[in-house]
ModelCIF file with pLDDT and N, C-alpha, C, O atoms, coordinates in Angstrom:
data_MODEL
#
_entry.id   MODEL 
#
_entity.id                         1 
_entity.type                       polymer 
_entity.pdbx_number_of_molecules   1 
#
_entity_poly.entity_id                      1 
_entity_poly.type                           'polypeptide(L)' 
_entity_poly.nstd_linkage                   no 
_entity_poly.nstd_monomer                   no 
_entity_poly.pdbx_seq_one_letter_code       IHAGDHYRELKHLETGRAAHSMAAFGPGDTLKNLGLAIAGEQYEVEE 
_entity_poly.pdbx_seq_one_letter_code_can   IHAGDHYRELKHLETGRAAHSMAAFGPGDTLKNLGLAIAGEQYEVEE 
_entity_poly.pdbx_strand_id                 A 
#
loop_
_entity_poly_seq.entity_id 
_entity_poly_seq.num 
_entity_poly_seq.mon_id 
_entity_poly_seq.hetero 
1 1  ILE n 
1 2  HIS n 
1 3  ALA n 
1 4  GLY n 
1 5  ASP n 
1 6  HIS n 
1 7  TYR n 
1 8  ARG n 
1 9  GLU n 
1 10 LEU n 
1 11 LYS n 
1 12 HIS n 
1 13 LEU n 
1 14 GLU n 
1 15 THR n 
1 16 GLY n 
1 17 ARG n 
1 18 ALA n 
1 19 ALA n 
1 20 HIS n 
1 21 SER n 
1 22 MET n 
1 23 ALA n 
1 24 ALA n 
1 25 PHE n 
1 26 GLY n 
1 27 PRO n 
1 28 GLY n 
1 29 ASP n 
1 30 THR n 
1 31 LEU n 
1 32 LYS n 
1 33 ASN n 
1 34 LEU n 
1 35 GLY n 
1 36 LEU n 
1 37 ALA n 
1 38 ILE n 
1 39 ALA n 
1 40 GLY n 
1 41 GLU n 
1 42 GLN n 
1 43 TYR n 
1 44 GLU n 
1 45 VAL n 
1 46 GLU n 
1 47 GLU n 
#
_struct_asym.id          A 
_struct_asym.entity_id   1 
#
loop_
_ma_qa_metric.id 
_ma_qa_metric.mode 
_ma_qa_metric.name 
_ma_qa_metric.software_group_id 
_ma_qa_metric.type 
1 global pLDDT . pLDDT 
2 local  pLDDT . pLDDT 
#
_ma_qa_metric_global.metric_id      1 
_ma_qa_metric_global.metric_value   91.09 
_ma_qa_metric_global.model_id       1 
_ma_qa_metric_global.ordinal_id     1 
#
loop_
_ma_qa_metric_local.label_asym_id 
_ma_qa_metric_local.label_comp_id 
_ma_qa_metric_local.label_seq_id 
_ma_qa_metric_local.metric_id 
_ma_qa_metric_local.metric_value 
_ma_qa_metric_local.model_id 
_ma_qa_metric_local.ordinal_id 
A ILE 1  2 97.00 1 1  
A HIS 2  2 97.00 1 2  
A ALA 3  2 96.00 1 3  
A GLY 4  2 96.00 1 4  
A ASP 5  2 96.00 1 5  
A HIS 6  2 96.00 1 6  
A TYR 7  2 94.00 1 7  
A ARG 8  2 95.00 1 8  
A GLU 9  2 95.00 1 9  
A LEU 10 2 93.00 1 10 
A LYS 11 2 92.00 1 11 
A HIS 12 2 91.00 1 12 
A LEU 13 2 90.00 1 13 
A GLU 14 2 87.00 1 14 
A THR 15 2 83.00 1 15 
A GLY 16 2 85.00 1 16 
A ARG 17 2 85.00 1 17 
A ALA 18 2 83.00 1 18 
A ALA 19 2 83.00 1 19 
A HIS 20 2 82.00 1 20 
A SER 21 2 79.00 1 21 
A MET 22 2 74.00 1 22 
A ALA 23 2 73.00 1 23 
A ALA 24 2 74.00 1 24 
A PHE 25 2 78.00 1 25 
A GLY 26 2 82.00 1 26 
A PRO 27 2 84.00 1 27 
A GLY 28 2 94.00 1 28 
A ASP 29 2 97.00 1 29 
A THR 30 2 98.00 1 30 
A LEU 31 2 98.00 1 31 
A LYS 32 2 97.00 1 32 
A ASN 33 2 97.00 1 33 
A LEU 34 2 98.00 1 34 
A GLY 35 2 96.00 1 35 
A LEU 36 2 95.00 1 36 
A ALA 37 2 96.00 1 37 
A ILE 38 2 96.00 1 38 
A ALA 39 2 94.00 1 39 
A GLY 40 2 94.00 1 40 
A GLU 41 2 96.00 1 41 
A GLN 42 2 95.00 1 42 
A TYR 43 2 94.00 1 43 
A GLU 44 2 96.00 1 44 
A VAL 45 2 97.00 1 45 
A GLU 46 2 97.00 1 46 
A GLU 47 2 96.00 1 47 
#
loop_
_atom_site.group_PDB 
_atom_site.id 
_atom_site.type_symbol 
_atom_site.label_atom_id 
_atom_site.label_alt_id 
_atom_site.label_comp_id 
_atom_site.label_asym_id 
_atom_site.label_entity_id 
_atom_site.label_seq_id 
_atom_site.pdbx_PDB_ins_code 
_atom_site.Cartn_x 
_atom_site.Cartn_y 
_atom_site.Cartn_z 
_atom_site.occupancy 
_atom_site.B_iso_or_equiv 
_atom_site.pdbx_formal_charge 
_atom_site.auth_seq_id 
_atom_site.auth_comp_id 
_atom_site.auth_asym_id 
_atom_site.auth_atom_id 
_atom_site.pdbx_PDB_model_num 
ATOM 1   N N  . ILE A 1 1  ? -5.862  0.284   -9.580  1.00 97.00 ? 1  ILE A N  1 
ATOM 2   C CA . ILE A 1 1  ? -6.172  -0.960  -10.299 1.00 97.00 ? 1  ILE A CA 1 
ATOM 3   C C  . ILE A 1 1  ? -5.735  -2.161  -9.479  1.00 97.00 ? 1  ILE A C  1 
ATOM 4   O O  . ILE A 1 1  ? -6.471  -3.143  -9.385  1.00 97.00 ? 1  ILE A O  1 
ATOM 5   N N  . HIS A 1 2  ? -4.546  -2.101  -8.882  1.00 97.00 ? 2  HIS A N  1 
ATOM 6   C CA . HIS A 1 2  ? -4.083  -3.202  -8.029  1.00 97.00 ? 2  HIS A CA 1 
ATOM 7   C C  . HIS A 1 2  ? -5.031  -3.420  -6.859  1.00 97.00 ? 2  HIS A C  1 
ATOM 8   O O  . HIS A 1 2  ? -5.395  -4.556  -6.554  1.00 97.00 ? 2  HIS A O  1 
ATOM 9   N N  . ALA A 1 3  ? -5.431  -2.337  -6.207  1.00 96.00 ? 3  ALA A N  1 
ATOM 10  C CA . ALA A 1 3  ? -6.354  -2.456  -5.073  1.00 96.00 ? 3  ALA A CA 1 
ATOM 11  C C  . ALA A 1 3  ? -7.651  -3.116  -5.521  1.00 96.00 ? 3  ALA A C  1 
ATOM 12  O O  . ALA A 1 3  ? -8.188  -3.969  -4.815  1.00 96.00 ? 3  ALA A O  1 
ATOM 13  N N  . GLY A 1 4  ? -8.156  -2.730  -6.685  1.00 96.00 ? 4  GLY A N  1 
ATOM 14  C CA . GLY A 1 4  ? -9.380  -3.326  -7.201  1.00 96.00 ? 4  GLY A CA 1 
ATOM 15  C C  . GLY A 1 4  ? -9.224  -4.808  -7.489  1.00 96.00 ? 4  GLY A C  1 
ATOM 16  O O  . GLY A 1 4  ? -10.127 -5.592  -7.199  1.00 96.00 ? 4  GLY A O  1 
ATOM 17  N N  . ASP A 1 5  ? -8.085  -5.205  -8.060  1.00 96.00 ? 5  ASP A N  1 
ATOM 18  C CA . ASP A 1 5  ? -7.831  -6.626  -8.306  1.00 96.00 ? 5  ASP A CA 1 
ATOM 19  C C  . ASP A 1 5  ? -7.851  -7.409  -6.992  1.00 96.00 ? 5  ASP A C  1 
ATOM 20  O O  . ASP A 1 5  ? -8.470  -8.469  -6.897  1.00 96.00 ? 5  ASP A O  1 
ATOM 21  N N  . HIS A 1 6  ? -7.166  -6.871  -5.986  1.00 96.00 ? 6  HIS A N  1 
ATOM 22  C CA . HIS A 1 6  ? -7.117  -7.547  -4.686  1.00 96.00 ? 6  HIS A CA 1 
ATOM 23  C C  . HIS A 1 6  ? -8.510  -7.604  -4.059  1.00 96.00 ? 6  HIS A C  1 
ATOM 24  O O  . HIS A 1 6  ? -8.910  -8.631  -3.511  1.00 96.00 ? 6  HIS A O  1 
ATOM 25  N N  . TYR A 1 7  ? -9.233  -6.507  -4.142  1.00 94.00 ? 7  TYR A N  1 
ATOM 26  C CA . TYR A 1 7  ? -10.572 -6.438  -3.541  1.00 94.00 ? 7  TYR A CA 1 
ATOM 27  C C  . TYR A 1 7  ? -11.509 -7.482  -4.148  1.00 94.00 ? 7  TYR A C  1 
ATOM 28  O O  . TYR A 1 7  ? -12.263 -8.140  -3.432  1.00 94.00 ? 7  TYR A O  1 
ATOM 29  N N  . ARG A 1 8  ? -11.456 -7.625  -5.461  1.00 95.00 ? 8  ARG A N  1 
ATOM 30  C CA . ARG A 1 8  ? -12.330 -8.609  -6.124  1.00 95.00 ? 8  ARG A CA 1 
ATOM 31  C C  . ARG A 1 8  ? -12.007 -10.033 -5.697  1.00 95.00 ? 8  ARG A C  1 
ATOM 32  O O  . ARG A 1 8  ? -12.897 -10.884 -5.691  1.00 95.00 ? 8  ARG A O  1 
ATOM 33  N N  . GLU A 1 9  ? -10.763 -10.314 -5.342  1.00 95.00 ? 9  GLU A N  1 
ATOM 34  C CA . GLU A 1 9  ? -10.401 -11.650 -4.857  1.00 95.00 ? 9  GLU A CA 1 
ATOM 35  C C  . GLU A 1 9  ? -10.995 -11.923 -3.469  1.00 95.00 ? 9  GLU A C  1 
ATOM 36  O O  . GLU A 1 9  ? -11.036 -13.070 -3.025  1.00 95.00 ? 9  GLU A O  1 
ATOM 37  N N  . LEU A 1 10 ? -11.447 -10.878 -2.794  1.00 93.00 ? 10 LEU A N  1 
ATOM 38  C CA . LEU A 1 10 ? -12.005 -11.013 -1.439  1.00 93.00 ? 10 LEU A CA 1 
ATOM 39  C C  . LEU A 1 10 ? -13.528 -11.028 -1.448  1.00 93.00 ? 10 LEU A C  1 
ATOM 40  O O  . LEU A 1 10 ? -14.149 -10.768 -0.417  1.00 93.00 ? 10 LEU A O  1 
ATOM 41  N N  . LYS A 1 11 ? -14.135 -11.323 -2.576  1.00 92.00 ? 11 LYS A N  1 
ATOM 42  C CA . LYS A 1 11 ? -15.596 -11.259 -2.717  1.00 92.00 ? 11 LYS A CA 1 
ATOM 43  C C  . LYS A 1 11 ? -16.332 -12.207 -1.775  1.00 92.00 ? 11 LYS A C  1 
ATOM 44  O O  . LYS A 1 11 ? -17.526 -12.027 -1.536  1.00 92.00 ? 11 LYS A O  1 
ATOM 45  N N  . HIS A 1 12 ? -15.650 -13.200 -1.242  1.00 91.00 ? 12 HIS A N  1 
ATOM 46  C CA . HIS A 1 12 ? -16.286 -14.159 -0.343  1.00 91.00 ? 12 HIS A CA 1 
ATOM 47  C C  . HIS A 1 12 ? -16.476 -13.616 1.074   1.00 91.00 ? 12 HIS A C  1 
ATOM 48  O O  . HIS A 1 12 ? -17.229 -14.199 1.855   1.00 91.00 ? 12 HIS A O  1 
ATOM 49  N N  . LEU A 1 13 ? -15.814 -12.520 1.419   1.00 90.00 ? 13 LEU A N  1 
ATOM 50  C CA . LEU A 1 13 ? -15.894 -11.986 2.786   1.00 90.00 ? 13 LEU A CA 1 
ATOM 51  C C  . LEU A 1 13 ? -17.217 -11.265 3.027   1.00 90.00 ? 13 LEU A C  1 
ATOM 52  O O  . LEU A 1 13 ? -17.778 -10.644 2.125   1.00 90.00 ? 13 LEU A O  1 
ATOM 53  N N  . GLU A 1 14 ? -17.696 -11.361 4.254   1.00 87.00 ? 14 GLU A N  1 
ATOM 54  C CA . GLU A 1 14 ? -18.954 -10.701 4.619   1.00 87.00 ? 14 GLU A CA 1 
ATOM 55  C C  . GLU A 1 14 ? -18.827 -9.898  5.902   1.00 87.00 ? 14 GLU A C  1 
ATOM 56  O O  . GLU A 1 14 ? -19.831 -9.417  6.428   1.00 87.00 ? 14 GLU A O  1 
ATOM 57  N N  . THR A 1 15 ? -17.620 -9.743  6.413   1.00 83.00 ? 15 THR A N  1 
ATOM 58  C CA . THR A 1 15 ? -17.414 -8.972  7.639   1.00 83.00 ? 15 THR A CA 1 
ATOM 59  C C  . THR A 1 15 ? -16.216 -8.046  7.469   1.00 83.00 ? 15 THR A C  1 
ATOM 60  O O  . THR A 1 15 ? -15.421 -8.217  6.545   1.00 83.00 ? 15 THR A O  1 
ATOM 61  N N  . GLY A 1 16 ? -16.090 -7.077  8.348   1.00 85.00 ? 16 GLY A N  1 
ATOM 62  C CA . GLY A 1 16 ? -14.959 -6.161  8.317   1.00 85.00 ? 16 GLY A CA 1 
ATOM 63  C C  . GLY A 1 16 ? -13.690 -6.850  8.789   1.00 85.00 ? 16 GLY A C  1 
ATOM 64  O O  . GLY A 1 16 ? -13.734 -7.766  9.610   1.00 85.00 ? 16 GLY A O  1 
ATOM 65  N N  . ARG A 1 17 ? -12.588 -6.411  8.274   1.00 85.00 ? 17 ARG A N  1 
ATOM 66  C CA . ARG A 1 17 ? -11.278 -6.940  8.651   1.00 85.00 ? 17 ARG A CA 1 
ATOM 67  C C  . ARG A 1 17 ? -10.286 -5.796  8.740   1.00 85.00 ? 17 ARG A C  1 
ATOM 68  O O  . ARG A 1 17 ? -10.478 -4.752  8.116   1.00 85.00 ? 17 ARG A O  1 
ATOM 69  N N  . ALA A 1 18 ? -9.245  -5.984  9.501   1.00 83.00 ? 18 ALA A N  1 
ATOM 70  C CA . ALA A 1 18 ? -8.185  -4.983  9.631   1.00 83.00 ? 18 ALA A CA 1 
ATOM 71  C C  . ALA A 1 18 ? -7.070  -5.293  8.634   1.00 83.00 ? 18 ALA A C  1 
ATOM 72  O O  . ALA A 1 18 ? -6.652  -6.441  8.484   1.00 83.00 ? 18 ALA A O  1 
ATOM 73  N N  . ALA A 1 19 ? -6.606  -4.259  7.965   1.00 83.00 ? 19 ALA A N  1 
ATOM 74  C CA . ALA A 1 19 ? -5.476  -4.388  7.044   1.00 83.00 ? 19 ALA A CA 1 
ATOM 75  C C  . ALA A 1 19 ? -4.221  -3.860  7.727   1.00 83.00 ? 19 ALA A C  1 
ATOM 76  O O  . ALA A 1 19 ? -4.231  -2.783  8.323   1.00 83.00 ? 19 ALA A O  1 
ATOM 77  N N  . HIS A 1 20 ? -3.152  -4.624  7.635   1.00 82.00 ? 20 HIS A N  1 
ATOM 78  C CA . HIS A 1 20 ? -1.857  -4.235  8.208   1.00 82.00 ? 20 HIS A CA 1 
ATOM 79  C C  . HIS A 1 20 ? -0.891  -4.072  7.046   1.00 82.00 ? 20 HIS A C  1 
ATOM 80  O O  . HIS A 1 20 ? -0.465  -5.051  6.433   1.00 82.00 ? 20 HIS A O  1 
ATOM 81  N N  . SER A 1 21 ? -0.554  -2.828  6.755   1.00 79.00 ? 21 SER A N  1 
ATOM 82  C CA . SER A 1 21 ? 0.243   -2.565  5.572   1.00 79.00 ? 21 SER A CA 1 
ATOM 83  C C  . SER A 1 21 ? 1.366   -1.594  5.885   1.00 79.00 ? 21 SER A C  1 
ATOM 84  O O  . SER A 1 21 ? 1.231   -0.719  6.740   1.00 79.00 ? 21 SER A O  1 
ATOM 85  N N  . MET A 1 22 ? 2.481   -1.762  5.176   1.00 74.00 ? 22 MET A N  1 
ATOM 86  C CA . MET A 1 22 ? 3.571   -0.799  5.283   1.00 74.00 ? 22 MET A CA 1 
ATOM 87  C C  . MET A 1 22 ? 3.114   0.462   4.580   1.00 74.00 ? 22 MET A C  1 
ATOM 88  O O  . MET A 1 22 ? 2.732   0.420   3.410   1.00 74.00 ? 22 MET A O  1 
ATOM 89  N N  . ALA A 1 23 ? 3.147   1.561   5.268   1.00 73.00 ? 23 ALA A N  1 
ATOM 90  C CA . ALA A 1 23 ? 2.736   2.820   4.655   1.00 73.00 ? 23 ALA A CA 1 
ATOM 91  C C  . ALA A 1 23 ? 3.696   3.922   5.069   1.00 73.00 ? 23 ALA A C  1 
ATOM 92  O O  . ALA A 1 23 ? 4.109   4.004   6.225   1.00 73.00 ? 23 ALA A O  1 
ATOM 93  N N  . ALA A 1 24 ? 4.042   4.760   4.115   1.00 74.00 ? 24 ALA A N  1 
ATOM 94  C CA . ALA A 1 24 ? 4.941   5.880   4.380   1.00 74.00 ? 24 ALA A CA 1 
ATOM 95  C C  . ALA A 1 24 ? 4.124   7.078   4.820   1.00 74.00 ? 24 ALA A C  1 
ATOM 96  O O  . ALA A 1 24 ? 3.204   7.503   4.121   1.00 74.00 ? 24 ALA A O  1 
ATOM 97  N N  . PHE A 1 25 ? 4.455   7.615   5.965   1.00 78.00 ? 25 PHE A N  1 
ATOM 98  C CA . PHE A 1 25 ? 3.761   8.792   6.474   1.00 78.00 ? 25 PHE A CA 1 
ATOM 99  C C  . PHE A 1 25 ? 4.762   9.926   6.644   1.00 78.00 ? 25 PHE A C  1 
ATOM 100 O O  . PHE A 1 25 ? 5.973   9.709   6.623   1.00 78.00 ? 25 PHE A O  1 
ATOM 101 N N  . GLY A 1 26 ? 4.247   11.127  6.812   1.00 82.00 ? 26 GLY A N  1 
ATOM 102 C CA . GLY A 1 26 ? 5.095   12.289  6.989   1.00 82.00 ? 26 GLY A CA 1 
ATOM 103 C C  . GLY A 1 26 ? 5.458   12.947  5.684   1.00 82.00 ? 26 GLY A C  1 
ATOM 104 O O  . GLY A 1 26 ? 6.641   13.126  5.393   1.00 82.00 ? 26 GLY A O  1 
ATOM 105 N N  . PRO A 1 27 ? 4.453   13.319  4.875   1.00 84.00 ? 27 PRO A N  1 
ATOM 106 C CA . PRO A 1 27 ? 4.749   13.924  3.575   1.00 84.00 ? 27 PRO A CA 1 
ATOM 107 C C  . PRO A 1 27 ? 5.526   15.217  3.715   1.00 84.00 ? 27 PRO A C  1 
ATOM 108 O O  . PRO A 1 27 ? 5.490   15.876  4.754   1.00 84.00 ? 27 PRO A O  1 
ATOM 109 N N  . GLY A 1 28 ? 6.215   15.561  2.668   1.00 94.00 ? 28 GLY A N  1 
ATOM 110 C CA . GLY A 1 28 ? 7.007   16.788  2.681   1.00 94.00 ? 28 GLY A CA 1 
ATOM 111 C C  . GLY A 1 28 ? 7.116   17.344  1.277   1.00 94.00 ? 28 GLY A C  1 
ATOM 112 O O  . GLY A 1 28 ? 6.150   17.335  0.514   1.00 94.00 ? 28 GLY A O  1 
ATOM 113 N N  . ASP A 1 29 ? 8.305   17.827  0.943   1.00 97.00 ? 29 ASP A N  1 
ATOM 114 C CA . ASP A 1 29 ? 8.515   18.330  -0.409  1.00 97.00 ? 29 ASP A CA 1 
ATOM 115 C C  . ASP A 1 29 ? 8.596   17.138  -1.369  1.00 97.00 ? 29 ASP A C  1 
ATOM 116 O O  . ASP A 1 29 ? 8.579   15.986  -0.937  1.00 97.00 ? 29 ASP A O  1 
ATOM 117 N N  . THR A 1 30 ? 8.683   17.417  -2.639  1.00 98.00 ? 30 THR A N  1 
ATOM 118 C CA . THR A 1 30 ? 8.647   16.354  -3.633  1.00 98.00 ? 30 THR A CA 1 
ATOM 119 C C  . THR A 1 30 ? 9.819   15.398  -3.500  1.00 98.00 ? 30 THR A C  1 
ATOM 120 O O  . THR A 1 30 ? 9.656   14.196  -3.706  1.00 98.00 ? 30 THR A O  1 
ATOM 121 N N  . LEU A 1 31 ? 10.992  15.902  -3.162  1.00 98.00 ? 31 LEU A N  1 
ATOM 122 C CA . LEU A 1 31 ? 12.135  15.009  -3.001  1.00 98.00 ? 31 LEU A CA 1 
ATOM 123 C C  . LEU A 1 31 ? 11.872  14.015  -1.867  1.00 98.00 ? 31 LEU A C  1 
ATOM 124 O O  . LEU A 1 31 ? 12.130  12.821  -2.016  1.00 98.00 ? 31 LEU A O  1 
ATOM 125 N N  . LYS A 1 32 ? 11.366  14.500  -0.753  1.00 97.00 ? 32 LYS A N  1 
ATOM 126 C CA . LYS A 1 32 ? 11.027  13.596  0.347   1.00 97.00 ? 32 LYS A CA 1 
ATOM 127 C C  . LYS A 1 32 ? 9.930   12.619  -0.079  1.00 97.00 ? 32 LYS A C  1 
ATOM 128 O O  . LYS A 1 32 ? 10.010  11.428  0.221   1.00 97.00 ? 32 LYS A O  1 
ATOM 129 N N  . ASN A 1 33 ? 8.915   13.115  -0.771  1.00 97.00 ? 33 ASN A N  1 
ATOM 130 C CA . ASN A 1 33 ? 7.812   12.254  -1.200  1.00 97.00 ? 33 ASN A CA 1 
ATOM 131 C C  . ASN A 1 33 ? 8.286   11.162  -2.159  1.00 97.00 ? 33 ASN A C  1 
ATOM 132 O O  . ASN A 1 33 ? 7.801   10.032  -2.097  1.00 97.00 ? 33 ASN A O  1 
ATOM 133 N N  . LEU A 1 34 ? 9.219   11.485  -3.033  1.00 98.00 ? 34 LEU A N  1 
ATOM 134 C CA . LEU A 1 34 ? 9.787   10.463  -3.915  1.00 98.00 ? 34 LEU A CA 1 
ATOM 135 C C  . LEU A 1 34 ? 10.541  9.416   -3.099  1.00 98.00 ? 34 LEU A C  1 
ATOM 136 O O  . LEU A 1 34 ? 10.472  8.226   -3.406  1.00 98.00 ? 34 LEU A O  1 
ATOM 137 N N  . GLY A 1 35 ? 11.249  9.845   -2.075  1.00 96.00 ? 35 GLY A N  1 
ATOM 138 C CA . GLY A 1 35 ? 11.933  8.897   -1.203  1.00 96.00 ? 35 GLY A CA 1 
ATOM 139 C C  . GLY A 1 35 ? 10.949  7.961   -0.499  1.00 96.00 ? 35 GLY A C  1 
ATOM 140 O O  . GLY A 1 35 ? 11.203  6.764   -0.371  1.00 96.00 ? 35 GLY A O  1 
ATOM 141 N N  . LEU A 1 36 ? 9.819   8.523   -0.042  1.00 95.00 ? 36 LEU A N  1 
ATOM 142 C CA . LEU A 1 36 ? 8.784   7.695   0.592   1.00 95.00 ? 36 LEU A CA 1 
ATOM 143 C C  . LEU A 1 36 ? 8.195   6.706   -0.423  1.00 95.00 ? 36 LEU A C  1 
ATOM 144 O O  . LEU A 1 36 ? 7.962   5.542   -0.098  1.00 95.00 ? 36 LEU A O  1 
ATOM 145 N N  . ALA A 1 37 ? 7.958   7.175   -1.644  1.00 96.00 ? 37 ALA A N  1 
ATOM 146 C CA . ALA A 1 37 ? 7.411   6.305   -2.691  1.00 96.00 ? 37 ALA A CA 1 
ATOM 147 C C  . ALA A 1 37 ? 8.391   5.184   -3.026  1.00 96.00 ? 37 ALA A C  1 
ATOM 148 O O  . ALA A 1 37 ? 7.992   4.030   -3.181  1.00 96.00 ? 37 ALA A O  1 
ATOM 149 N N  . ILE A 1 38 ? 9.656   5.522   -3.134  1.00 96.00 ? 38 ILE A N  1 
ATOM 150 C CA . ILE A 1 38 ? 10.681  4.516   -3.440  1.00 96.00 ? 38 ILE A CA 1 
ATOM 151 C C  . ILE A 1 38 ? 10.749  3.475   -2.327  1.00 96.00 ? 38 ILE A C  1 
ATOM 152 O O  . ILE A 1 38 ? 10.833  2.279   -2.603  1.00 96.00 ? 38 ILE A O  1 
ATOM 153 N N  . ALA A 1 39 ? 10.714  3.915   -1.080  1.00 94.00 ? 39 ALA A N  1 
ATOM 154 C CA . ALA A 1 39 ? 10.755  2.972   0.047   1.00 94.00 ? 39 ALA A CA 1 
ATOM 155 C C  . ALA A 1 39 ? 9.568   2.015   0.009   1.00 94.00 ? 39 ALA A C  1 
ATOM 156 O O  . ALA A 1 39 ? 9.729   0.820   0.258   1.00 94.00 ? 39 ALA A O  1 
ATOM 157 N N  . GLY A 1 40 ? 8.382   2.524   -0.299  1.00 94.00 ? 40 GLY A N  1 
ATOM 158 C CA . GLY A 1 40 ? 7.197   1.682   -0.370  1.00 94.00 ? 40 GLY A CA 1 
ATOM 159 C C  . GLY A 1 40 ? 7.260   0.692   -1.520  1.00 94.00 ? 40 GLY A C  1 
ATOM 160 O O  . GLY A 1 40 ? 6.938   -0.483  -1.344  1.00 94.00 ? 40 GLY A O  1 
ATOM 161 N N  . GLU A 1 41 ? 7.668   1.147   -2.684  1.00 96.00 ? 41 GLU A N  1 
ATOM 162 C CA . GLU A 1 41 ? 7.766   0.260   -3.843  1.00 96.00 ? 41 GLU A CA 1 
ATOM 163 C C  . GLU A 1 41 ? 8.847   -0.797  -3.628  1.00 96.00 ? 41 GLU A C  1 
ATOM 164 O O  . GLU A 1 41 ? 8.670   -1.959  -3.994  1.00 96.00 ? 41 GLU A O  1 
ATOM 165 N N  . GLN A 1 42 ? 9.960   -0.389  -3.033  1.00 95.00 ? 42 GLN A N  1 
ATOM 166 C CA . GLN A 1 42 ? 11.051  -1.330  -2.769  1.00 95.00 ? 42 GLN A CA 1 
ATOM 167 C C  . GLN A 1 42 ? 10.590  -2.419  -1.800  1.00 95.00 ? 42 GLN A C  1 
ATOM 168 O O  . GLN A 1 42 ? 10.913  -3.592  -1.990  1.00 95.00 ? 42 GLN A O  1 
ATOM 169 N N  . TYR A 1 43 ? 9.842   -2.044  -0.771  1.00 94.00 ? 43 TYR A N  1 
ATOM 170 C CA . TYR A 1 43 ? 9.290   -3.017  0.172   1.00 94.00 ? 43 TYR A CA 1 
ATOM 171 C C  . TYR A 1 43 ? 8.390   -4.012  -0.560  1.00 94.00 ? 43 TYR A C  1 
ATOM 172 O O  . TYR A 1 43 ? 8.476   -5.217  -0.326  1.00 94.00 ? 43 TYR A O  1 
ATOM 173 N N  . GLU A 1 44 ? 7.535   -3.512  -1.437  1.00 96.00 ? 44 GLU A N  1 
ATOM 174 C CA . GLU A 1 44 ? 6.632   -4.407  -2.165  1.00 96.00 ? 44 GLU A CA 1 
ATOM 175 C C  . GLU A 1 44 ? 7.398   -5.366  -3.074  1.00 96.00 ? 44 GLU A C  1 
ATOM 176 O O  . GLU A 1 44 ? 7.055   -6.544  -3.163  1.00 96.00 ? 44 GLU A O  1 
ATOM 177 N N  . VAL A 1 45 ? 8.432   -4.865  -3.745  1.00 97.00 ? 45 VAL A N  1 
ATOM 178 C CA . VAL A 1 45 ? 9.199   -5.671  -4.699  1.00 97.00 ? 45 VAL A CA 1 
ATOM 179 C C  . VAL A 1 45 ? 10.119  -6.664  -3.993  1.00 97.00 ? 45 VAL A C  1 
ATOM 180 O O  . VAL A 1 45 ? 10.234  -7.812  -4.421  1.00 97.00 ? 45 VAL A O  1 
ATOM 181 N N  . GLU A 1 46 ? 10.766  -6.237  -2.930  1.00 97.00 ? 46 GLU A N  1 
ATOM 182 C CA . GLU A 1 46 ? 11.777  -7.086  -2.294  1.00 97.00 ? 46 GLU A CA 1 
ATOM 183 C C  . GLU A 1 46 ? 11.226  -7.982  -1.189  1.00 97.00 ? 46 GLU A C  1 
ATOM 184 O O  . GLU A 1 46 ? 11.794  -9.039  -0.915  1.00 97.00 ? 46 GLU A O  1 
ATOM 185 N N  . GLU A 1 47 ? 10.129  -7.576  -0.553  1.00 96.00 ? 47 GLU A N  1 
ATOM 186 C CA . GLU A 1 47 ? 9.643   -8.340  0.588   1.00 96.00 ? 47 GLU A CA 1 
ATOM 187 C C  . GLU A 1 47 ? 8.187   -8.782  0.454   1.00 96.00 ? 47 GLU A C  1 
ATOM 188 O O  . GLU A 1 47 ? 7.655   -9.436  1.352   1.00 96.00 ? 47 GLU A O  1 
#
C-alpha cells in the first residue's frame, strides 16, 4: 500500500529512473529475517 501511494505521487513521470533504497539482503532463518526487518523499519523511522 505504501509503495502504491508513493507510485501514484509520481504520475507526472514519463521516463525510467533509478531507485536508491536501503535494503536488507542475505535472508536466513526467521530470527535473522526479523533482525533484517527491524533494521529496515528502524532506518525508515529514524532516518
